[in-house]
């Protein structure tokens, strides 16, 4: 993330609730005006292998808009099969 003076804050790595990221989608998921990230993983954390029997996950990383104290809420939806991609679309009641 840029500091606004031409420089950047140090890189921060976040877990994505799984292994083998297959797809990334970016959108404002919670309506706070900040972009959040969804990651489709081909396997659960610790599995370290992807294949037809992999149980995949979708990691949801919520942006808290604070570059100095970043935090990400990561959710494992625990799919029975590995997701290969993800999409973002508005949901209405």
C-alpha atoms as a PDB file:
ATOM      1  CA  UNK A   1       0.000   0.000   0.000  1.00  0.00           C
ATOM      2  CA  UNK A   2       1.334   3.446  -0.885  1.00  0.00           C
ATOM      3  CA  UNK A   3       2.169   6.008   1.792  1.00  0.00           C
ATOM      4  CA  UNK A   4       1.179   8.897  -0.485  1.00  0.00           C
ATOM      5  CA  UNK A   5       4.757  10.180  -0.807  1.00  0.00           C
ATOM      6  CA  UNK A   6       5.944   7.867  -3.594  1.00  0.00           C
ATOM      7  CA  UNK A   7       7.045   5.134  -1.192  1.00  0.00           C
ATOM      8  CA  UNK A   8       5.342   1.986   0.079  1.00  0.00           C
ATOM      9  CA  UNK A   9       4.722   0.354   3.432  1.00  0.00           C
ATOM     10  CA  UNK A  10       6.578  -2.950   3.938  1.00  0.00           C
ATOM     11  CA  UNK A  11       4.950  -6.026   2.386  1.00  0.00           C
ATOM     12  CA  UNK A  12       2.730  -8.062   4.699  1.00  0.00           C
ATOM     13  CA  UNK A  13       1.819 -11.694   4.000  1.00  0.00           C
ATOM     14  CA  UNK A  14      -1.573 -13.079   5.026  1.00  0.00           C
ATOM     15  CA  UNK A  15      -2.767 -16.662   5.134  1.00  0.00           C
ATOM     16  CA  UNK A  16      -5.640 -17.499   2.815  1.00  0.00           C
ATOM     17  CA  UNK A  17      -7.238 -20.367   4.790  1.00  0.00           C
ATOM     18  CA  UNK A  18      -5.702 -22.950   2.511  1.00  0.00           C
ATOM     19  CA  UNK A  19      -2.929 -24.078   0.189  1.00  0.00           C
ATOM     20  CA  UNK A  20      -2.410 -23.646  -3.541  1.00  0.00           C
ATOM     21  CA  UNK A  21      -4.209 -20.420  -4.399  1.00  0.00           C
ATOM     22  CA  UNK A  22      -6.011 -20.970  -7.714  1.00  0.00           C
ATOM     23  CA  UNK A  23      -7.885 -17.689  -8.124  1.00  0.00           C
ATOM     24  CA  UNK A  24      -8.145 -14.238  -6.531  1.00  0.00           C
ATOM     25  CA  UNK A  25     -11.099 -11.832  -6.652  1.00  0.00           C
ATOM     26  CA  UNK A  26     -11.120  -8.282  -5.268  1.00  0.00           C
ATOM     27  CA  UNK A  27     -14.274  -6.368  -4.266  1.00  0.00           C
ATOM     28  CA  UNK A  28     -15.765  -4.277  -1.467  1.00  0.00           C
ATOM     29  CA  UNK A  29     -17.530  -7.142   0.314  1.00  0.00           C
ATOM     30  CA  UNK A  30     -18.754  -5.328   3.405  1.00  0.00           C
ATOM     31  CA  UNK A  31     -19.674  -1.925   1.924  1.00  0.00           C
ATOM     32  CA  UNK A  32     -17.032   0.074   3.807  1.00  0.00           C
ATOM     33  CA  UNK A  33     -15.444   1.529   0.654  1.00  0.00           C
ATOM     34  CA  UNK A  34     -12.249  -0.580   0.951  1.00  0.00           C
ATOM     35  CA  UNK A  35     -11.367  -3.465  -1.346  1.00  0.00           C
ATOM     36  CA  UNK A  36     -11.371  -6.939   0.205  1.00  0.00           C
ATOM     37  CA  UNK A  37      -9.859 -10.155  -1.197  1.00  0.00           C
ATOM     38  CA  UNK A  38     -11.265 -13.643  -1.833  1.00  0.00           C
ATOM     39  CA  UNK A  39      -8.834 -16.486  -2.559  1.00  0.00           C
ATOM     40  CA  UNK A  40      -9.867 -19.887  -3.968  1.00  0.00           C
ATOM     41  CA  UNK A  41      -7.457 -22.526  -2.616  1.00  0.00           C
ATOM     42  CA  UNK A  42      -7.177 -26.046  -4.034  1.00  0.00           C
ATOM     43  CA  UNK A  43      -6.481 -27.621  -0.619  1.00  0.00           C
ATOM     44  CA  UNK A  44      -6.890 -26.987   3.103  1.00  0.00           C
ATOM     45  CA  UNK A  45      -4.029 -25.579   5.166  1.00  0.00           C
ATOM     46  CA  UNK A  46      -1.451 -28.241   5.937  1.00  0.00           C
ATOM     47  CA  UNK A  47      -2.500 -30.532   3.083  1.00  0.00           C
ATOM     48  CA  UNK A  48       0.319 -29.329   0.773  1.00  0.00           C
ATOM     49  CA  UNK A  49      -1.057 -31.160  -2.255  1.00  0.00           C
ATOM     50  CA  UNK A  50      -3.829 -30.511  -4.743  1.00  0.00           C
ATOM     51  CA  UNK A  51      -5.738 -33.096  -6.710  1.00  0.00           C
ATOM     52  CA  UNK A  52      -9.129 -34.582  -7.490  1.00  0.00           C
ATOM     53  CA  UNK A  53      -9.613 -35.577  -3.828  1.00  0.00           C
ATOM     54  CA  UNK A  54      -8.571 -32.227  -2.367  1.00  0.00           C
ATOM     55  CA  UNK A  55     -10.948 -30.419  -0.027  1.00  0.00           C
ATOM     56  CA  UNK A  56     -10.583 -26.775  -1.040  1.00  0.00           C
ATOM     57  CA  UNK A  57     -11.299 -23.500   0.702  1.00  0.00           C
ATOM     58  CA  UNK A  58     -12.273 -19.922  -0.062  1.00  0.00           C
ATOM     59  CA  UNK A  59     -10.310 -17.478   2.055  1.00  0.00           C
ATOM     60  CA  UNK A  60     -11.975 -14.106   2.805  1.00  0.00           C
ATOM     61  CA  UNK A  61      -9.566 -11.349   3.760  1.00  0.00           C
ATOM     62  CA  UNK A  62     -11.336  -8.207   4.964  1.00  0.00           C
ATOM     63  CA  UNK A  63      -9.447  -4.919   4.549  1.00  0.00           C
ATOM     64  CA  UNK A  64      -9.469  -2.799   7.707  1.00  0.00           C
ATOM     65  CA  UNK A  65      -7.959   0.239   5.869  1.00  0.00           C
ATOM     66  CA  UNK A  66      -5.063   0.511   8.321  1.00  0.00           C
ATOM     67  CA  UNK A  67      -1.736  -0.138   6.553  1.00  0.00           C
ATOM     68  CA  UNK A  68       0.303   0.080   9.752  1.00  0.00           C
ATOM     69  CA  UNK A  69      -1.764  -2.491  11.670  1.00  0.00           C
ATOM     70  CA  UNK A  70      -3.232  -4.713   8.964  1.00  0.00           C
ATOM     71  CA  UNK A  71      -5.494  -7.549   9.960  1.00  0.00           C
ATOM     72  CA  UNK A  72      -7.393 -10.058   7.894  1.00  0.00           C
ATOM     73  CA  UNK A  73     -10.359 -12.172   8.857  1.00  0.00           C
ATOM     74  CA  UNK A  74      -9.848 -15.483   7.109  1.00  0.00           C
ATOM     75  CA  UNK A  75     -12.707 -17.920   6.697  1.00  0.00           C
ATOM     76  CA  UNK A  76     -12.482 -21.559   5.668  1.00  0.00           C
ATOM     77  CA  UNK A  77     -15.756 -22.536   3.990  1.00  0.00           C
ATOM     78  CA  UNK A  78     -14.557 -26.161   3.766  1.00  0.00           C
ATOM     79  CA  UNK A  79     -15.783 -27.244   0.343  1.00  0.00           C
ATOM     80  CA  UNK A  80     -15.995 -30.971  -0.381  1.00  0.00           C
ATOM     81  CA  UNK A  81     -14.076 -30.418  -3.634  1.00  0.00           C
ATOM     82  CA  UNK A  82     -11.420 -27.882  -4.508  1.00  0.00           C
ATOM     83  CA  UNK A  83     -12.667 -24.629  -6.055  1.00  0.00           C
ATOM     84  CA  UNK A  84     -10.833 -23.637  -9.213  1.00  0.00           C
ATOM     85  CA  UNK A  85     -12.056 -20.051  -9.391  1.00  0.00           C
ATOM     86  CA  UNK A  86     -14.234 -17.525  -7.619  1.00  0.00           C
ATOM     87  CA  UNK A  87     -16.442 -14.637  -8.715  1.00  0.00           C
ATOM     88  CA  UNK A  88     -17.936 -11.648  -6.978  1.00  0.00           C
ATOM     89  CA  UNK A  89     -21.483 -10.435  -7.625  1.00  0.00           C
ATOM     90  CA  UNK A  90     -23.943  -8.287  -5.665  1.00  0.00           C
ATOM     91  CA  UNK A  91     -26.544 -10.204  -3.681  1.00  0.00           C
ATOM     92  CA  UNK A  92     -29.933  -8.662  -3.046  1.00  0.00           C
ATOM     93  CA  UNK A  93     -32.733  -9.577  -0.668  1.00  0.00           C
END
